[in-house]
Amino acid sequence: MRATSNAKGLAARSISSILLVGPPSPALRRKQTLLQGSGFEITLAENICYAELFAQTQHFDAAVYDDSIPPHEQLSLARLMRIRWPWMRLVSCGPDNEGLFDAHGSSEARLAEVLRELLD
């Protein structure tokens, strides 16, 4: 469980707060670094339990579900977040079988762009 942020280069823009959900891995660290470098404030949640806890205590503009999270856990958390935090945009890096997600970040390179499009 760890929260980090980066606000470089955002003097004229407000900082979007992103909840990045997934177990620690090199791929998740790359996503975190990419999003921080794009000016997002990132909070890491290692699993869906921490994601729910953080969402209860902090405000997030969006949640990004790493593709390493099993699909049934992604869907379970997405259903909960849709009810409790309807303003939060949900992005899946994996499949969306039930239409619960606002977007898919199909590649790491496009993830920041997808988030900007959703949040602008």
PDB file of N, CA and C in Angstrom:
ATOM      1  N   MET A   1       0.862  -1.163   0.000  1.00  0.00           N
ATOM      2  CA  MET A   1       0.000   0.000   0.000  1.00  0.00           C
ATOM      3  C   MET A   1       0.906   1.222   0.000  1.00  0.00           C
ATOM      4  N   ARG A   2       0.726   2.084  -1.044  1.00  0.00           N
ATOM      5  CA  ARG A   2       1.617   3.229  -1.161  1.00  0.00           C
ATOM      6  C   ARG A   2       0.933   4.308  -1.979  1.00  0.00           C
ATOM      7  N   ALA A   3       1.079   5.536  -1.585  1.00  0.00           N
ATOM      8  CA  ALA A   3       0.530   6.651  -2.354  1.00  0.00           C
ATOM      9  C   ALA A   3       1.679   7.561  -2.767  1.00  0.00           C
ATOM     10  N   THR A   4       1.711   7.926  -4.049  1.00  0.00           N
ATOM     11  CA  THR A   4       2.737   8.830  -4.544  1.00  0.00           C
ATOM     12  C   THR A   4       2.094   9.817  -5.493  1.00  0.00           C
ATOM     13  N   SER A   5       2.772  10.930  -5.718  1.00  0.00           N
ATOM     14  CA  SER A   5       2.219  11.911  -6.638  1.00  0.00           C
ATOM     15  C   SER A   5       3.329  12.667  -7.345  1.00  0.00           C
ATOM     16  N   ASN A   6       2.915  13.372  -8.434  1.00  0.00           N
ATOM     17  CA  ASN A   6       3.848  14.176  -9.211  1.00  0.00           C
ATOM     18  C   ASN A   6       3.058  15.303  -9.839  1.00  0.00           C
ATOM     19  N   ALA A   7       3.445  16.553  -9.577  1.00  0.00           N
ATOM     20  CA  ALA A   7       2.690  17.695 -10.088  1.00  0.00           C
ATOM     21  C   ALA A   7       3.519  18.570 -11.009  1.00  0.00           C
ATOM     22  N   LYS A   8       4.588  18.078 -11.591  1.00  0.00           N
ATOM     23  CA  LYS A   8       5.448  18.878 -12.450  1.00  0.00           C
ATOM     24  C   LYS A   8       4.716  19.311 -13.709  1.00  0.00           C
ATOM     25  N   GLY A   9       4.943  20.555 -14.099  1.00  0.00           N
ATOM     26  CA  GLY A   9       4.435  21.026 -15.380  1.00  0.00           C
ATOM     27  C   GLY A   9       2.947  21.263 -15.448  1.00  0.00           C
ATOM     28  N   LEU A  10       2.282  21.416 -14.321  1.00  0.00           N
ATOM     29  CA  LEU A  10       0.837  21.579 -14.353  1.00  0.00           C
ATOM     30  C   LEU A  10       0.380  22.896 -13.747  1.00  0.00           C
ATOM     31  N   ALA A  11       1.140  23.937 -13.904  1.00  0.00           N
ATOM     32  CA  ALA A  11       0.802  25.211 -13.283  1.00  0.00           C
ATOM     33  C   ALA A  11      -0.550  25.724 -13.751  1.00  0.00           C
ATOM     34  N   ALA A  12      -0.878  25.580 -15.021  1.00  0.00           N
ATOM     35  CA  ALA A  12      -2.119  26.130 -15.551  1.00  0.00           C
ATOM     36  C   ALA A  12      -3.282  25.144 -15.503  1.00  0.00           C
ATOM     37  N   ARG A  13      -3.019  23.878 -15.277  1.00  0.00           N
ATOM     38  CA  ARG A  13      -4.070  22.864 -15.274  1.00  0.00           C
ATOM     39  C   ARG A  13      -4.256  22.304 -13.877  1.00  0.00           C
ATOM     40  N   SER A  14      -5.456  21.855 -13.593  1.00  0.00           N
ATOM     41  CA  SER A  14      -5.651  21.179 -12.326  1.00  0.00           C
ATOM     42  C   SER A  14      -5.118  19.755 -12.458  1.00  0.00           C
ATOM     43  N   ILE A  15      -4.705  19.211 -11.364  1.00  0.00           N
ATOM     44  CA  ILE A  15      -4.133  17.871 -11.359  1.00  0.00           C
ATOM     45  C   ILE A  15      -5.266  16.858 -11.192  1.00  0.00           C
ATOM     46  N   SER A  16      -5.302  15.886 -12.076  1.00  0.00           N
ATOM     47  CA  SER A  16      -6.288  14.811 -11.967  1.00  0.00           C
ATOM     48  C   SER A  16      -5.714  13.713 -11.087  1.00  0.00           C
ATOM     49  N   SER A  17      -6.526  13.272 -10.155  1.00  0.00           N
ATOM     50  CA  SER A  17      -6.119  12.236  -9.217  1.00  0.00           C
ATOM     51  C   SER A  17      -6.602  10.879  -9.734  1.00  0.00           C
ATOM     52  N   ILE A  18      -5.666   9.948  -9.881  1.00  0.00           N
ATOM     53  CA  ILE A  18      -5.950   8.644 -10.458  1.00  0.00           C
ATOM     54  C   ILE A  18      -5.645   7.549  -9.450  1.00  0.00           C
ATOM     55  N   LEU A  19      -6.570   6.615  -9.311  1.00  0.00           N
ATOM     56  CA  LEU A  19      -6.366   5.419  -8.504  1.00  0.00           C
ATOM     57  C   LEU A  19      -5.932   4.312  -9.455  1.00  0.00           C
ATOM     58  N   LEU A  20      -4.704   3.841  -9.311  1.00  0.00           N
ATOM     59  CA  LEU A  20      -4.159   2.785 -10.159  1.00  0.00           C
ATOM     60  C   LEU A  20      -4.196   1.490  -9.359  1.00  0.00           C
ATOM     61  N   VAL A  21      -4.967   0.520  -9.860  1.00  0.00           N
ATOM     62  CA  VAL A  21      -5.238  -0.707  -9.109  1.00  0.00           C
ATOM     63  C   VAL A  21      -4.546  -1.896  -9.765  1.00  0.00           C
ATOM     64  N   GLY A  22      -3.718  -2.593  -8.996  1.00  0.00           N
ATOM     65  CA  GLY A  22      -3.066  -3.795  -9.488  1.00  0.00           C
ATOM     66  C   GLY A  22      -1.942  -4.223  -8.565  1.00  0.00           C
ATOM     67  N   PRO A  23      -1.598  -5.503  -8.605  1.00  0.00           N
ATOM     68  CA  PRO A  23      -0.503  -5.984  -7.762  1.00  0.00           C
ATOM     69  C   PRO A  23       0.836  -5.439  -8.246  1.00  0.00           C
ATOM     70  N   PRO A  24       1.783  -5.266  -7.341  1.00  0.00           N
ATOM     71  CA  PRO A  24       3.092  -4.733  -7.731  1.00  0.00           C
ATOM     72  C   PRO A  24       3.727  -5.585  -8.838  1.00  0.00           C
ATOM     73  N   SER A  25       4.226  -4.904  -9.850  1.00  0.00           N
ATOM     74  CA  SER A  25       4.883  -5.582 -10.966  1.00  0.00           C
ATOM     75  C   SER A  25       5.643  -4.534 -11.771  1.00  0.00           C
ATOM     76  N   PRO A  26       6.584  -4.963 -12.599  1.00  0.00           N
ATOM     77  CA  PRO A  26       7.275  -4.009 -13.470  1.00  0.00           C
ATOM     78  C   PRO A  26       6.298  -3.284 -14.411  1.00  0.00           C
ATOM     79  N   ALA A  27       5.282  -3.981 -14.909  1.00  0.00           N
ATOM     80  CA  ALA A  27       4.299  -3.364 -15.812  1.00  0.00           C
ATOM     81  C   ALA A  27       3.511  -2.275 -15.091  1.00  0.00           C
ATOM     82  N   LEU A  28       3.125  -2.521 -13.845  1.00  0.00           N
ATOM     83  CA  LEU A  28       2.368  -1.518 -13.090  1.00  0.00           C
ATOM     84  C   LEU A  28       3.254  -0.310 -12.786  1.00  0.00           C
ATOM     85  N   ARG A  29       4.528  -0.551 -12.465  1.00  0.00           N
ATOM     86  CA  ARG A  29       5.451   0.565 -12.228  1.00  0.00           C
ATOM     87  C   ARG A  29       5.635   1.411 -13.493  1.00  0.00           C
ATOM     88  N   ARG A  30       5.668   0.758 -14.660  1.00  0.00           N
ATOM     89  CA  ARG A  30       5.756   1.512 -15.923  1.00  0.00           C
ATOM     90  C   ARG A  30       4.526   2.388 -16.114  1.00  0.00           C
ATOM     91  N   LYS A  31       3.343   1.835 -15.849  1.00  0.00           N
ATOM     92  CA  LYS A  31       2.110   2.629 -15.978  1.00  0.00           C
ATOM     93  C   LYS A  31       2.134   3.810 -15.015  1.00  0.00           C
ATOM     94  N   GLN A  32       2.551   3.567 -13.780  1.00  0.00           N
ATOM     95  CA  GLN A  32       2.629   4.643 -12.791  1.00  0.00           C
ATOM     96  C   GLN A  32       3.573   5.742 -13.271  1.00  0.00           C
ATOM     97  N   THR A  33       4.753   5.362 -13.725  1.00  0.00           N
ATOM     98  CA  THR A  33       5.750   6.322 -14.190  1.00  0.00           C
ATOM     99  C   THR A  33       5.237   7.099 -15.398  1.00  0.00           C
ATOM    100  N   LEU A  34       4.610   6.405 -16.324  1.00  0.00           N
ATOM    101  CA  LEU A  34       4.051   7.046 -17.513  1.00  0.00           C
ATOM    102  C   LEU A  34       2.983   8.072 -17.130  1.00  0.00           C
ATOM    103  N   LEU A  35       2.087   7.700 -16.234  1.00  0.00           N
ATOM    104  CA  LEU A  35       1.008   8.607 -15.838  1.00  0.00           C
ATOM    105  C   LEU A  35       1.535   9.788 -15.027  1.00  0.00           C
ATOM    106  N   GLN A  36       2.480   9.538 -14.132  1.00  0.00           N
ATOM    107  CA  GLN A  36       3.076  10.639 -13.375  1.00  0.00           C
ATOM    108  C   GLN A  36       3.797  11.591 -14.312  1.00  0.00           C
ATOM    109  N   GLY A  37       4.516  11.054 -15.276  1.00  0.00           N
ATOM    110  CA  GLY A  37       5.219  11.885 -16.244  1.00  0.00           C
ATOM    111  C   GLY A  37       4.274  12.698 -17.111  1.00  0.00           C
ATOM    112  N   SER A  38       3.029  12.243 -17.217  1.00  0.00           N
ATOM    113  CA  SER A  38       2.010  12.968 -17.980  1.00  0.00           C
ATOM    114  C   SER A  38       1.245  13.956 -17.113  1.00  0.00           C
ATOM    115  N   GLY A  39       1.630  14.069 -15.837  1.00  0.00           N
ATOM    116  CA  GLY A  39       1.052  15.079 -14.966  1.00  0.00           C
ATOM    117  C   GLY A  39      -0.095  14.633 -14.081  1.00  0.00           C
ATOM    118  N   PHE A  40      -0.332  13.343 -13.981  1.00  0.00           N
ATOM    119  CA  PHE A  40      -1.397  12.850 -13.113  1.00  0.00           C
ATOM    120  C   PHE A  40      -0.849  12.563 -11.720  1.00  0.00           C
ATOM    121  N   GLU A  41      -1.701  12.751 -10.716  1.00  0.00           N
ATOM    122  CA  GLU A  41      -1.369  12.356  -9.353  1.00  0.00           C
ATOM    123  C   GLU A  41      -1.844  10.915  -9.195  1.00  0.00           C
ATOM    124  N   ILE A  42      -0.955  10.026  -8.798  1.00  0.00           N
ATOM    125  CA  ILE A  42      -1.246   8.595  -8.769  1.00  0.00           C
ATOM    126  C   ILE A  42      -1.251   8.061  -7.345  1.00  0.00           C
ATOM    127  N   THR A  43      -2.268   7.296  -7.026  1.00  0.00           N
ATOM    128  CA  THR A  43      -2.296   6.519  -5.798  1.00  0.00           C
ATOM    129  C   THR A  43      -2.369   5.056  -6.215  1.00  0.00           C
ATOM    130  N   LEU A  44      -1.456   4.246  -5.700  1.00  0.00           N
ATOM    131  CA  LEU A  44      -1.426   2.826  -6.028  1.00  0.00           C
ATOM    132  C   LEU A  44      -2.219   2.025  -5.007  1.00  0.00           C
ATOM    133  N   ALA A  45      -3.051   1.136  -5.500  1.00  0.00           N
ATOM    134  CA  ALA A  45      -3.771   0.190  -4.653  1.00  0.00           C
ATOM    135  C   ALA A  45      -3.373  -1.203  -5.124  1.00  0.00           C
ATOM    136  N   GLU A  46      -2.745  -1.976  -4.255  1.00  0.00           N
ATOM    137  CA  GLU A  46      -2.211  -3.284  -4.640  1.00  0.00           C
ATOM    138  C   GLU A  46      -3.283  -4.329  -4.911  1.00  0.00           C
ATOM    139  N   ASN A  47      -4.495  -4.098  -4.434  1.00  0.00           N
ATOM    140  CA  ASN A  47      -5.586  -5.044  -4.682  1.00  0.00           C
ATOM    141  C   ASN A  47      -6.917  -4.310  -4.582  1.00  0.00           C
ATOM    142  N   ILE A  48      -8.015  -5.023  -4.834  1.00  0.00           N
ATOM    143  CA  ILE A  48      -9.315  -4.350  -4.855  1.00  0.00           C
ATOM    144  C   ILE A  48      -9.766  -3.920  -3.460  1.00  0.00           C
ATOM    145  N   CYS A  49      -9.281  -4.588  -2.431  1.00  0.00           N
ATOM    146  CA  CYS A  49      -9.629  -4.176  -1.061  1.00  0.00           C
ATOM    147  C   CYS A  49      -9.034  -2.805  -0.742  1.00  0.00           C
ATOM    148  N   TYR A  50      -7.748  -2.622  -1.073  1.00  0.00           N
ATOM    149  CA  TYR A  50      -7.130  -1.313  -0.872  1.00  0.00           C
ATOM    150  C   TYR A  50      -7.779  -0.263  -1.768  1.00  0.00           C
ATOM    151  N   ALA A  51      -8.152  -0.654  -2.971  1.00  0.00           N
ATOM    152  CA  ALA A  51      -8.800   0.302  -3.883  1.00  0.00           C
ATOM    153  C   ALA A  51     -10.085   0.838  -3.262  1.00  0.00           C
ATOM    154  N   GLU A  52     -10.886  -0.043  -2.700  1.00  0.00           N
ATOM    155  CA  GLU A  52     -12.130   0.392  -2.057  1.00  0.00           C
ATOM    156  C   GLU A  52     -11.840   1.274  -0.846  1.00  0.00           C
ATOM    157  N   LEU A  53     -10.873   0.910  -0.051  1.00  0.00           N
ATOM    158  CA  LEU A  53     -10.493   1.696   1.129  1.00  0.00           C
ATOM    159  C   LEU A  53     -10.035   3.097   0.726  1.00  0.00           C
ATOM    160  N   PHE A  54      -9.144   3.185  -0.265  1.00  0.00           N
ATOM    161  CA  PHE A  54      -8.662   4.491  -0.715  1.00  0.00           C
ATOM    162  C   PHE A  54      -9.793   5.336  -1.296  1.00  0.00           C
ATOM    163  N   ALA A  55     -10.690   4.712  -2.053  1.00  0.00           N
ATOM    164  CA  ALA A  55     -11.806   5.442  -2.667  1.00  0.00           C
ATOM    165  C   ALA A  55     -12.751   5.997  -1.597  1.00  0.00           C
ATOM    166  N   GLN A  56     -12.845   5.324  -0.469  1.00  0.00           N
ATOM    167  CA  GLN A  56     -13.689   5.811   0.626  1.00  0.00           C
ATOM    168  C   GLN A  56     -13.085   7.019   1.321  1.00  0.00           C
ATOM    169  N   THR A  57     -11.770   7.132   1.308  1.00  0.00           N
ATOM    170  CA  THR A  57     -11.115   8.170   2.102  1.00  0.00           C
ATOM    171  C   THR A  57     -10.508   9.302   1.286  1.00  0.00           C
ATOM    172  N   GLN A  58     -10.443   9.150  -0.044  1.00  0.00           N
ATOM    173  CA  GLN A  58      -9.846  10.168  -0.908  1.00  0.00           C
ATOM    174  C   GLN A  58     -10.745  10.382  -2.118  1.00  0.00           C
ATOM    175  N   HIS A  59     -10.567  11.520  -2.773  1.00  0.00           N
ATOM    176  CA  HIS A  59     -11.306  11.782  -4.011  1.00  0.00           C
ATOM    177  C   HIS A  59     -10.423  11.420  -5.201  1.00  0.00           C
ATOM    178  N   PHE A  60     -10.980  10.647  -6.134  1.00  0.00           N
ATOM    179  CA  PHE A  60     -10.281  10.306  -7.368  1.00  0.00           C
ATOM    180  C   PHE A  60     -11.148  10.699  -8.548  1.00  0.00           C
ATOM    181  N   ASP A  61     -10.502  11.199  -9.592  1.00  0.00           N
ATOM    182  CA  ASP A  61     -11.212  11.517 -10.828  1.00  0.00           C
ATOM    183  C   ASP A  61     -11.430  10.269 -11.665  1.00  0.00           C
ATOM    184  N   ALA A  62     -10.514   9.311 -11.536  1.00  0.00           N
ATOM    185  CA  ALA A  62     -10.611   8.085 -12.321  1.00  0.00           C
ATOM    186  C   ALA A  62      -9.888   6.955 -11.613  1.00  0.00           C
ATOM    187  N   ALA A  63     -10.280   5.739 -11.968  1.00  0.00           N
ATOM    188  CA  ALA A  63      -9.591   4.535 -11.504  1.00  0.00           C
ATOM    189  C   ALA A  63      -9.162   3.748 -12.732  1.00  0.00           C
ATOM    190  N   VAL A  64      -7.928   3.289 -12.710  1.00  0.00           N
ATOM    191  CA  VAL A  64      -7.393   2.471 -13.801  1.00  0.00           C
ATOM    192  C   VAL A  64      -7.142   1.081 -13.242  1.00  0.00           C
ATOM    193  N   TYR A  65      -7.768   0.090 -13.880  1.00  0.00           N
ATOM    194  CA  TYR A  65      -7.640  -1.303 -13.458  1.00  0.00           C
ATOM    195  C   TYR A  65      -6.592  -1.980 -14.332  1.00  0.00           C
ATOM    196  N   ASP A  66      -5.512  -2.432 -13.719  1.00  0.00           N
ATOM    197  CA  ASP A  66      -4.462  -3.113 -14.467  1.00  0.00           C
ATOM    198  C   ASP A  66      -4.982  -4.451 -14.986  1.00  0.00           C
ATOM    199  N   ASP A  67      -4.464  -4.880 -16.125  1.00  0.00           N
ATOM    200  CA  ASP A  67      -4.917  -6.133 -16.715  1.00  0.00           C
ATOM    201  C   ASP A  67      -4.463  -7.358 -15.934  1.00  0.00           C
ATOM    202  N   SER A  68      -3.607  -7.182 -14.912  1.00  0.00           N
ATOM    203  CA  SER A  68      -3.194  -8.303 -14.070  1.00  0.00           C
ATOM    204  C   SER A  68      -4.257  -8.671 -13.029  1.00  0.00           C
ATOM    205  N   ILE A  69      -5.264  -7.817 -12.856  1.00  0.00           N
ATOM    206  CA  ILE A  69      -6.359  -8.127 -11.926  1.00  0.00           C
ATOM    207  C   ILE A  69      -7.305  -9.107 -12.629  1.00  0.00           C
ATOM    208  N   PRO A  70      -7.678 -10.198 -11.975  1.00  0.00           N
ATOM    209  CA  PRO A  70      -8.607 -11.146 -12.605  1.00  0.00           C
ATOM    210  C   PRO A  70      -9.897 -10.446 -13.036  1.00  0.00           C
ATOM    211  N   PRO A  71     -10.444 -10.826 -14.187  1.00  0.00           N
ATOM    212  CA  PRO A  71     -11.659 -10.159 -14.701  1.00  0.00           C
ATOM    213  C   PRO A  71     -12.817 -10.116 -13.709  1.00  0.00           C
ATOM    214  N   HIS A  72     -13.043 -11.197 -12.960  1.00  0.00           N
ATOM    215  CA  HIS A  72     -14.165 -11.186 -12.012  1.00  0.00           C
ATOM    216  C   HIS A  72     -13.949 -10.163 -10.894  1.00  0.00           C
ATOM    217  N   GLU A  73     -12.692  -9.931 -10.495  1.00  0.00           N
ATOM    218  CA  GLU A  73     -12.412  -8.917  -9.482  1.00  0.00           C
ATOM    219  C   GLU A  73     -12.580  -7.516 -10.063  1.00  0.00           C
ATOM    220  N   GLN A  74     -12.156  -7.320 -11.318  1.00  0.00           N
ATOM    221  CA  GLN A  74     -12.362  -6.025 -11.969  1.00  0.00           C
ATOM    222  C   GLN A  74     -13.841  -5.685 -12.018  1.00  0.00           C
ATOM    223  N   LEU A  75     -14.650  -6.649 -12.439  1.00  0.00           N
ATOM    224  CA  LEU A  75     -16.087  -6.404 -12.558  1.00  0.00           C
ATOM    225  C   LEU A  75     -16.727  -6.152 -11.197  1.00  0.00           C
ATOM    226  N   SER A  76     -16.311  -6.890 -10.189  1.00  0.00           N
ATOM    227  CA  SER A  76     -16.849  -6.701  -8.842  1.00  0.00           C
ATOM    228  C   SER A  76     -16.566  -5.288  -8.333  1.00  0.00           C
ATOM    229  N   LEU A  77     -15.314  -4.840  -8.476  1.00  0.00           N
ATOM    230  CA  LEU A  77     -14.947  -3.502  -8.029  1.00  0.00           C
ATOM    231  C   LEU A  77     -15.628  -2.431  -8.875  1.00  0.00           C
ATOM    232  N   ALA A  78     -15.736  -2.650 -10.165  1.00  0.00           N
ATOM    233  CA  ALA A  78     -16.389  -1.666 -11.043  1.00  0.00           C
ATOM    234  C   ALA A  78     -17.858  -1.493 -10.670  1.00  0.00           C
ATOM    235  N   ARG A  79     -18.551  -2.585 -10.391  1.00  0.00           N
ATOM    236  CA  ARG A  79     -19.958  -2.486  -9.964  1.00  0.00           C
ATOM    237  C   ARG A  79     -20.084  -1.654  -8.688  1.00  0.00           C
ATOM    238  N   LEU A  80     -19.213  -1.921  -7.720  1.00  0.00           N
ATOM    239  CA  LEU A  80     -19.224  -1.187  -6.455  1.00  0.00           C
ATOM    240  C   LEU A  80     -18.933   0.290  -6.680  1.00  0.00           C
ATOM    241  N   MET A  81     -17.917   0.588  -7.473  1.00  0.00           N
ATOM    242  CA  MET A  81     -17.547   1.991  -7.704  1.00  0.00           C
ATOM    243  C   MET A  81     -18.632   2.741  -8.472  1.00  0.00           C
ATOM    244  N   ARG A  82     -19.312   2.101  -9.388  1.00  0.00           N
ATOM    245  CA  ARG A  82     -20.404   2.747 -10.131  1.00  0.00           C
ATOM    246  C   ARG A  82     -21.516   3.194  -9.186  1.00  0.00           C
ATOM    247  N   ILE A  83     -21.756   2.420  -8.153  1.00  0.00           N
ATOM    248  CA  ILE A  83     -22.822   2.751  -7.197  1.00  0.00           C
ATOM    249  C   ILE A  83     -22.350   3.806  -6.192  1.00  0.00           C
ATOM    250  N   ARG A  84     -21.185   3.593  -5.594  1.00  0.00           N
ATOM    251  CA  ARG A  84     -20.714   4.487  -4.530  1.00  0.00           C
ATOM    252  C   ARG A  84     -20.106   5.791  -5.023  1.00  0.00           C
ATOM    253  N   TRP A  85     -19.401   5.751  -6.149  1.00  0.00           N
ATOM    254  CA  TRP A  85     -18.691   6.923  -6.654  1.00  0.00           C
ATOM    255  C   TRP A  85     -18.998   7.100  -8.141  1.00  0.00           C
ATOM    256  N   PRO A  86     -20.227   7.467  -8.475  1.00  0.00           N
ATOM    257  CA  PRO A  86     -20.650   7.511  -9.888  1.00  0.00           C
ATOM    258  C   PRO A  86     -19.894   8.533 -10.732  1.00  0.00           C
ATOM    259  N   TRP A  87     -19.272   9.538 -10.141  1.00  0.00           N
ATOM    260  CA  TRP A  87     -18.513  10.532 -10.904  1.00  0.00           C
ATOM    261  C   TRP A  87     -17.160   9.985 -11.376  1.00  0.00           C
ATOM    262  N   MET A  88     -16.659   8.960 -10.710  1.00  0.00           N
ATOM    263  CA  MET A  88     -15.328   8.446 -11.014  1.00  0.00           C
ATOM    264  C   MET A  88     -15.341   7.720 -12.361  1.00  0.00           C
ATOM    265  N   ARG A  89     -14.428   8.094 -13.245  1.00  0.00           N
ATOM    266  CA  ARG A  89     -14.288   7.430 -14.532  1.00  0.00           C
ATOM    267  C   ARG A  89     -13.502   6.141 -14.330  1.00  0.00           C
ATOM    268  N   LEU A  90     -13.939   5.074 -14.972  1.00  0.00           N
ATOM    269  CA  LEU A  90     -13.298   3.774 -14.830  1.00  0.00           C
ATOM    270  C   LEU A  90     -12.656   3.359 -16.149  1.00  0.00           C
ATOM    271  N   VAL A  91     -11.383   2.982 -16.064  1.00  0.00           N
ATOM    272  CA  VAL A  91     -10.627   2.565 -17.249  1.00  0.00           C
ATOM    273  C   VAL A  91     -10.070   1.169 -16.989  1.00  0.00           C
ATOM    274  N   SER A  92     -10.348   0.269 -17.901  1.00  0.00           N
ATOM    275  CA  SER A  92      -9.832  -1.090 -17.797  1.00  0.00           C
ATOM    276  C   SER A  92      -8.697  -1.282 -18.790  1.00  0.00           C
ATOM    277  N   CYS A  93      -7.627  -1.901 -18.320  1.00  0.00           N
ATOM    278  CA  CYS A  93      -6.540  -2.269 -19.229  1.00  0.00           C
ATOM    279  C   CYS A  93      -6.778  -3.675 -19.785  1.00  0.00           C
ATOM    280  N   GLY A  94      -7.906  -4.264 -19.447  1.00  0.00           N
ATOM    281  CA  GLY A  94      -8.297  -5.584 -19.939  1.00  0.00           C
ATOM    282  C   GLY A  94      -9.672  -5.503 -20.577  1.00  0.00           C
ATOM    283  N   PRO A  95     -10.365  -6.627 -20.711  1.00  0.00           N
ATOM    284  CA  PRO A  95     -11.676  -6.638 -21.372  1.00  0.00           C
ATOM    285  C   PRO A  95     -12.779  -6.029 -20.504  1.00  0.00           C
ATOM    286  N   ASP A  96     -13.832  -5.567 -21.157  1.00  0.00           N
ATOM    287  CA  ASP A  96     -15.016  -5.033 -20.470  1.00  0.00           C
ATOM    288  C   ASP A  96     -16.215  -5.821 -20.963  1.00  0.00           C
ATOM    289  N   ASN A  97     -16.544  -6.860 -20.257  1.00  0.00           N
ATOM    290  CA  ASN A  97     -17.632  -7.743 -20.683  1.00  0.00           C
ATOM    291  C   ASN A  97     -19.012  -7.190 -20.412  1.00  0.00           C
ATOM    292  N   GLU A  98     -19.137  -6.274 -19.473  1.00  0.00           N
ATOM    293  CA  GLU A  98     -20.470  -5.836 -19.053  1.00  0.00           C
ATOM    294  C   GLU A  98     -20.725  -4.346 -19.266  1.00  0.00           C
ATOM    295  N   GLY A  99     -19.877  -3.663 -19.987  1.00  0.00           N
ATOM    296  CA  GLY A  99     -20.103  -2.246 -20.255  1.00  0.00           C
ATOM    297  C   GLY A  99     -19.984  -1.351 -19.038  1.00  0.00           C
ATOM    298  N   LEU A 100     -19.232  -1.755 -18.028  1.00  0.00           N
ATOM    299  CA  LEU A 100     -19.092  -0.969 -16.799  1.00  0.00           C
ATOM    300  C   LEU A 100     -18.008   0.094 -16.882  1.00  0.00           C
ATOM    301  N   PHE A 101     -17.123  -0.017 -17.863  1.00  0.00           N
ATOM    302  CA  PHE A 101     -15.981   0.882 -17.943  1.00  0.00           C
ATOM    303  C   PHE A 101     -16.222   1.988 -18.955  1.00  0.00           C
ATOM    304  N   ASP A 102     -15.671   3.161 -18.651  1.00  0.00           N
ATOM    305  CA  ASP A 102     -15.802   4.310 -19.545  1.00  0.00           C
ATOM    306  C   ASP A 102     -14.858   4.212 -20.735  1.00  0.00           C
ATOM    307  N   ALA A 103     -13.755   3.503 -20.545  1.00  0.00           N
ATOM    308  CA  ALA A 103     -12.760   3.398 -21.617  1.00  0.00           C
ATOM    309  C   ALA A 103     -11.833   2.232 -21.343  1.00  0.00           C
ATOM    310  N   HIS A 104     -11.061   1.909 -22.373  1.00  0.00           N
ATOM    311  CA  HIS A 104     -10.045   0.867 -22.278  1.00  0.00           C
ATOM    312  C   HIS A 104      -8.710   1.464 -22.666  1.00  0.00           C
ATOM    313  N   GLY A 105      -7.736   1.285 -21.817  1.00  0.00           N
ATOM    314  CA  GLY A 105      -6.374   1.693 -22.134  1.00  0.00           C
ATOM    315  C   GLY A 105      -5.650   0.497 -22.707  1.00  0.00           C
ATOM    316  N   SER A 106      -5.926   0.205 -23.953  1.00  0.00           N
ATOM    317  CA  SER A 106      -5.428  -1.029 -24.551  1.00  0.00           C
ATOM    318  C   SER A 106      -3.917  -1.089 -24.640  1.00  0.00           C
ATOM    319  N   SER A 107      -3.244   0.049 -24.628  1.00  0.00           N
ATOM    320  CA  SER A 107      -1.781   0.034 -24.633  1.00  0.00           C
ATOM    321  C   SER A 107      -1.279   1.029 -23.600  1.00  0.00           C
ATOM    322  N   GLU A 108      -0.129   0.725 -23.040  1.00  0.00           N
ATOM    323  CA  GLU A 108       0.456   1.636 -22.055  1.00  0.00           C
ATOM    324  C   GLU A 108       0.687   3.017 -22.651  1.00  0.00           C
ATOM    325  N   ALA A 109       1.102   3.055 -23.899  1.00  0.00           N
ATOM    326  CA  ALA A 109       1.408   4.328 -24.547  1.00  0.00           C
ATOM    327  C   ALA A 109       0.184   5.223 -24.679  1.00  0.00           C
ATOM    328  N   ARG A 110      -1.011   4.644 -24.820  1.00  0.00           N
ATOM    329  CA  ARG A 110      -2.234   5.431 -24.997  1.00  0.00           C
ATOM    330  C   ARG A 110      -2.975   5.703 -23.690  1.00  0.00           C
ATOM    331  N   LEU A 111      -2.533   5.137 -22.602  1.00  0.00           N
ATOM    332  CA  LEU A 111      -3.269   5.249 -21.342  1.00  0.00           C
ATOM    333  C   LEU A 111      -3.451   6.698 -20.895  1.00  0.00           C
ATOM    334  N   ALA A 112      -2.401   7.499 -20.913  1.00  0.00           N
ATOM    335  CA  ALA A 112      -2.506   8.903 -20.501  1.00  0.00           C
ATOM    336  C   ALA A 112      -3.443   9.660 -21.427  1.00  0.00           C
ATOM    337  N   GLU A 113      -3.376   9.397 -22.718  1.00  0.00           N
ATOM    338  CA  GLU A 113      -4.253  10.046 -23.683  1.00  0.00           C
ATOM    339  C   GLU A 113      -5.721   9.686 -23.440  1.00  0.00           C
ATOM    340  N   VAL A 114      -5.987   8.414 -23.162  1.00  0.00           N
ATOM    341  CA  VAL A 114      -7.347   7.963 -22.863  1.00  0.00           C
ATOM    342  C   VAL A 114      -7.880   8.683 -21.631  1.00  0.00           C
ATOM    343  N   LEU A 115      -7.069   8.795 -20.592  1.00  0.00           N
ATOM    344  CA  LEU A 115      -7.493   9.483 -19.367  1.00  0.00           C
ATOM    345  C   LEU A 115      -7.762  10.966 -19.628  1.00  0.00           C
ATOM    346  N   ARG A 116      -6.884  11.619 -20.380  1.00  0.00           N
ATOM    347  CA  ARG A 116      -7.097  13.043 -20.693  1.00  0.00           C
ATOM    348  C   ARG A 116      -8.413  13.245 -21.424  1.00  0.00           C
ATOM    349  N   GLU A 117      -8.710  12.387 -22.392  1.00  0.00           N
ATOM    350  CA  GLU A 117      -9.958  12.496 -23.148  1.00  0.00           C
ATOM    351  C   GLU A 117     -11.176  12.328 -22.228  1.00  0.00           C
ATOM    352  N   LEU A 118     -11.105  11.418 -21.286  1.00  0.00           N
ATOM    353  CA  LEU A 118     -12.213  11.207 -20.355  1.00  0.00           C
ATOM    354  C   LEU A 118     -12.401  12.364 -19.375  1.00  0.00           C
ATOM    355  N   LEU A 119     -11.299  12.951 -18.950  1.00  0.00           N
ATOM    356  CA  LEU A 119     -11.360  13.932 -17.863  1.00  0.00           C
ATOM    357  C   LEU A 119     -11.434  15.386 -18.326  1.00  0.00           C
ATOM    358  N   ASP A 120     -11.167  15.652 -19.585  1.00  0.00           N
ATOM    359  CA  ASP A 120     -11.238  17.041 -20.091  1.00  0.00           C
ATOM    360  C   ASP A 120     -12.642  17.435 -20.433  1.00  0.00           C
TER     361      ASP A 120
END
